[in-house]
Protein backbone atom coordinates (compact mmCIF):
# COMPACT_ATOMS: atom_id res chain seq x y z
CA MET A 1 24.58 -30.84 -9.80
CA ALA A 2 25.42 -33.31 -7.07
CA HIS A 3 25.87 -32.13 -3.52
CA ILE A 4 26.53 -33.30 0.03
CA TRP A 5 24.40 -32.57 3.07
CA PHE A 6 26.29 -32.31 6.38
CA ARG A 7 25.53 -30.99 9.86
CA ASN A 8 27.01 -27.60 10.61
CA GLY A 9 28.04 -26.35 14.05
CA GLU A 10 24.48 -25.23 14.82
CA ASP A 11 23.10 -28.78 14.46
CA SER A 12 21.28 -27.95 11.23
CA TRP A 13 21.99 -29.25 7.75
CA SER A 14 24.23 -27.43 5.27
CA VAL A 15 24.56 -28.25 1.61
CA MET A 16 27.84 -28.33 -0.33
CA PRO A 17 27.80 -28.47 -4.17
CA ILE A 18 30.35 -30.89 -5.59
CA ASP A 19 29.89 -30.49 -9.32
CA GLY A 20 33.13 -31.27 -11.10
CA HIS A 21 35.25 -31.78 -8.02
CA ALA A 22 36.57 -34.67 -5.96
CA VAL A 23 35.62 -34.37 -2.29
CA ASN A 24 37.40 -35.61 0.83
CA VAL A 25 34.74 -37.12 3.12
CA SER A 26 37.26 -38.59 5.58
CA VAL A 27 37.34 -35.16 7.28
CA TYR A 28 34.53 -33.16 8.79
CA PRO A 29 33.22 -31.02 7.29
CA PRO A 30 34.00 -32.46 3.86
CA ARG A 31 36.47 -30.56 1.66
CA ILE A 32 36.98 -30.12 -2.06
CA LEU A 33 40.19 -31.86 -3.15
CA PRO A 34 42.84 -30.29 -5.39
CA ASP A 35 43.34 -31.87 -8.81
CA ASP A 36 46.69 -33.36 -7.74
CA PHE A 37 45.49 -35.13 -4.57
CA ARG A 38 47.02 -38.53 -3.77
CA PHE A 39 44.48 -41.14 -2.74
CA GLY A 40 45.64 -43.16 0.28
CA GLU A 41 48.13 -40.47 1.31
CA ASP A 42 46.19 -37.19 1.31
CA VAL A 43 42.75 -38.73 1.68
CA LEU A 44 41.25 -42.05 2.84
CA VAL A 45 37.69 -41.63 1.53
CA ALA A 46 36.77 -39.57 -1.53
CA LEU A 47 33.79 -38.92 -3.77
CA ILE A 48 34.83 -38.76 -7.41
CA ARG A 49 32.81 -38.15 -10.56
CA ALA A 50 32.85 -41.25 -12.76
CA GLY A 51 33.30 -40.72 -16.48
CA SER A 52 33.10 -37.38 -18.25
CA ALA A 53 32.35 -33.96 -16.78
CA ASP A 54 28.74 -34.32 -18.01
CA SER A 55 28.27 -37.64 -16.22
CA PRO A 56 25.87 -37.60 -13.30
CA GLU A 57 27.53 -40.69 -11.80
CA TRP A 58 29.64 -40.39 -8.66
CA VAL A 59 31.61 -43.08 -6.85
CA LEU A 60 32.91 -43.36 -3.33
CA LEU A 61 36.49 -44.60 -3.20
CA ALA A 62 37.71 -45.85 0.18
CA ALA A 63 41.17 -46.93 1.30
CA ALA A 64 41.38 -50.25 3.16
CA ASP A 65 41.51 -48.45 6.50
CA GLY A 66 38.94 -45.77 5.56
CA GLY A 67 36.31 -47.00 8.05
CA VAL A 68 33.41 -45.91 5.84
CA ARG A 69 29.87 -47.22 5.41
CA VAL A 70 27.27 -46.34 2.77
CA ASN A 71 23.73 -47.02 3.96
CA GLY A 72 25.25 -49.22 6.66
CA PHE A 73 27.39 -51.37 4.36
CA ALA A 74 31.13 -51.29 3.66
CA PRO A 75 31.99 -50.57 0.01
CA VAL A 76 32.92 -53.75 -1.88
CA ALA A 77 36.63 -53.63 -2.78
CA GLY A 78 36.66 -50.01 -1.58
CA LEU A 79 34.29 -48.82 -4.31
CA ARG A 80 30.62 -47.83 -4.31
CA VAL A 81 28.55 -46.15 -7.02
CA LEU A 82 26.47 -43.55 -5.21
CA ARG A 83 22.75 -42.99 -5.57
CA ASP A 84 20.56 -40.08 -4.56
CA ARG A 85 20.10 -39.81 -0.78
CA ASP A 86 22.84 -42.32 0.14
CA GLU A 87 23.99 -41.98 3.74
CA ILE A 88 27.79 -41.92 4.12
CA ARG A 89 29.42 -42.54 7.51
CA ALA A 90 33.17 -42.11 7.73
CA ALA A 91 34.11 -42.96 11.32
CA PRO A 92 34.28 -41.14 13.69
CA HIS A 93 32.45 -38.28 11.94
CA GLU A 94 28.79 -37.31 11.67
CA PRO A 95 26.84 -38.85 8.78
CA LEU A 96 26.74 -37.13 5.39
CA PHE A 97 24.13 -37.52 2.68
CA PHE A 98 24.87 -37.56 -1.04
CA SER A 99 22.18 -36.09 -3.28
CA THR A 100 21.72 -35.61 -7.00
CA GLU A 101 18.63 -33.40 -6.69
CA THR A 102 18.87 -30.35 -8.92
CA GLN A 103 17.04 -27.05 -8.80
CA ALA A 104 15.24 -25.27 -11.60
CA ARG A 105 17.36 -22.58 -13.24
CA VAL A 106 16.98 -20.38 -16.26
CA GLU A 107 19.64 -21.15 -18.86
CA ALA A 108 20.24 -20.98 -22.59
CA PHE A 109 18.79 -24.08 -24.26
CA PRO A 110 21.82 -26.08 -25.48
CA GLY A 111 20.07 -27.40 -28.57
CA SER A 112 19.27 -30.94 -29.61
CA GLU A 113 19.58 -33.20 -32.64
CA ARG A 114 15.80 -33.25 -32.87
CA VAL A 115 13.20 -30.57 -32.28
CA VAL A 116 12.33 -30.05 -28.61
CA TYR A 117 8.92 -28.59 -27.84
CA CYS A 118 8.06 -26.54 -24.76
CA ALA A 119 5.95 -28.67 -22.42
CA ARG A 120 3.64 -25.71 -21.71
CA CYS A 121 3.08 -23.80 -24.99
CA ARG A 122 4.10 -26.61 -27.39
CA GLN A 123 6.23 -24.25 -29.51
CA PRO A 124 9.78 -25.30 -30.44
CA VAL A 125 12.53 -24.35 -28.00
CA GLU A 126 15.33 -22.85 -30.10
CA LYS A 127 19.04 -23.24 -29.37
CA GLY A 128 20.21 -20.38 -27.13
CA GLN A 129 16.68 -19.45 -26.03
CA MET A 130 16.33 -18.89 -22.29
CA SER A 131 14.54 -21.91 -20.85
CA VAL A 132 14.21 -24.15 -17.80
CA ARG A 133 14.66 -27.90 -17.74
CA CYS A 134 12.39 -29.50 -15.16
CA PRO A 135 14.67 -30.81 -12.38
CA HIS A 136 12.33 -33.64 -11.38
CA PRO A 137 14.34 -36.89 -11.87
CA ARG A 138 11.57 -38.56 -13.87
CA CYS A 139 10.59 -35.54 -15.98
CA GLY A 140 13.29 -33.29 -17.48
CA VAL A 141 11.07 -31.47 -20.00
CA TRP A 142 12.09 -28.05 -21.28
CA CYS A 143 9.95 -24.92 -20.98
CA HIS A 144 10.55 -21.41 -22.28
CA GLN A 145 11.33 -18.75 -19.68
CA THR A 146 11.52 -15.36 -21.36
CA ASP A 147 9.56 -12.12 -20.93
CA ALA A 148 7.47 -13.03 -23.98
CA LEU A 149 7.11 -16.73 -23.07
CA PRO A 150 7.21 -17.26 -19.27
CA CYS A 151 6.11 -20.87 -19.72
CA TRP A 152 8.01 -22.40 -16.77
CA THR A 153 6.65 -19.96 -14.17
CA TYR A 154 3.17 -19.69 -15.79
CA ALA A 155 1.66 -22.19 -13.32
CA PRO A 156 2.66 -23.37 -9.82
CA THR A 157 3.84 -26.77 -11.09
CA CYS A 158 5.50 -28.22 -14.17
CA ALA A 159 3.16 -28.92 -17.11
CA LEU A 160 3.87 -32.67 -16.84
CA CYS A 161 4.78 -33.43 -13.21
CA PRO A 162 4.31 -32.09 -9.65
CA GLN A 163 7.63 -30.17 -9.59
CA SER A 164 7.26 -26.63 -8.24
CA THR A 165 8.02 -23.93 -10.81
CA ALA A 166 9.22 -21.38 -8.26
CA LEU A 167 12.76 -20.46 -9.26
CA ASP A 168 13.66 -19.87 -5.59
CA ALA A 169 11.95 -23.01 -4.26
CA GLY A 170 15.13 -24.56 -2.86
CA PHE A 171 15.59 -28.29 -2.42
CA GLU A 172 12.56 -30.54 -1.97
CA TRP A 173 14.51 -33.04 0.11
CA ALA A 174 16.84 -32.53 3.05
CA PRO A 175 17.94 -34.96 5.75
CA GLU A 176 15.78 -35.00 8.87
CA VAL A 177 17.16 -33.01 11.76
């Protein structure tokens, strides 16, 4: 799930999940936009999911007078595809950071066209079985997480990468204070 990091009133960073919603970043703090928002009238700078609801791609859409910069550069033709850890500055507000980092969570395995094997025990992961998908961006393997097969939490890190297996580990990255 994508999210935005922004400074709260106590000068520390807060995180705002944005999965499935458009977000107004021309105000501070950023706000979720209603489905019927009017770009250019209601909002000057917005983050919008590109493509389907399953798409991890997000774009920044800026009106001509939006006064926004992404990593120090103005969006070309008012559009910028966002990447993990992009800094967004919408004048005169504090900077925001866009992030696509996800956290490990136990969920029912959605199934697959081909057999998926648990990275720890090497047994098949069955559709509907409680499992964890490694949130590391270059890993993504599935591991069982049931009382009988606690494969994800069996060791301190993922079977194939350095991702922590603590289910309450929080985010690995946050903007510097």
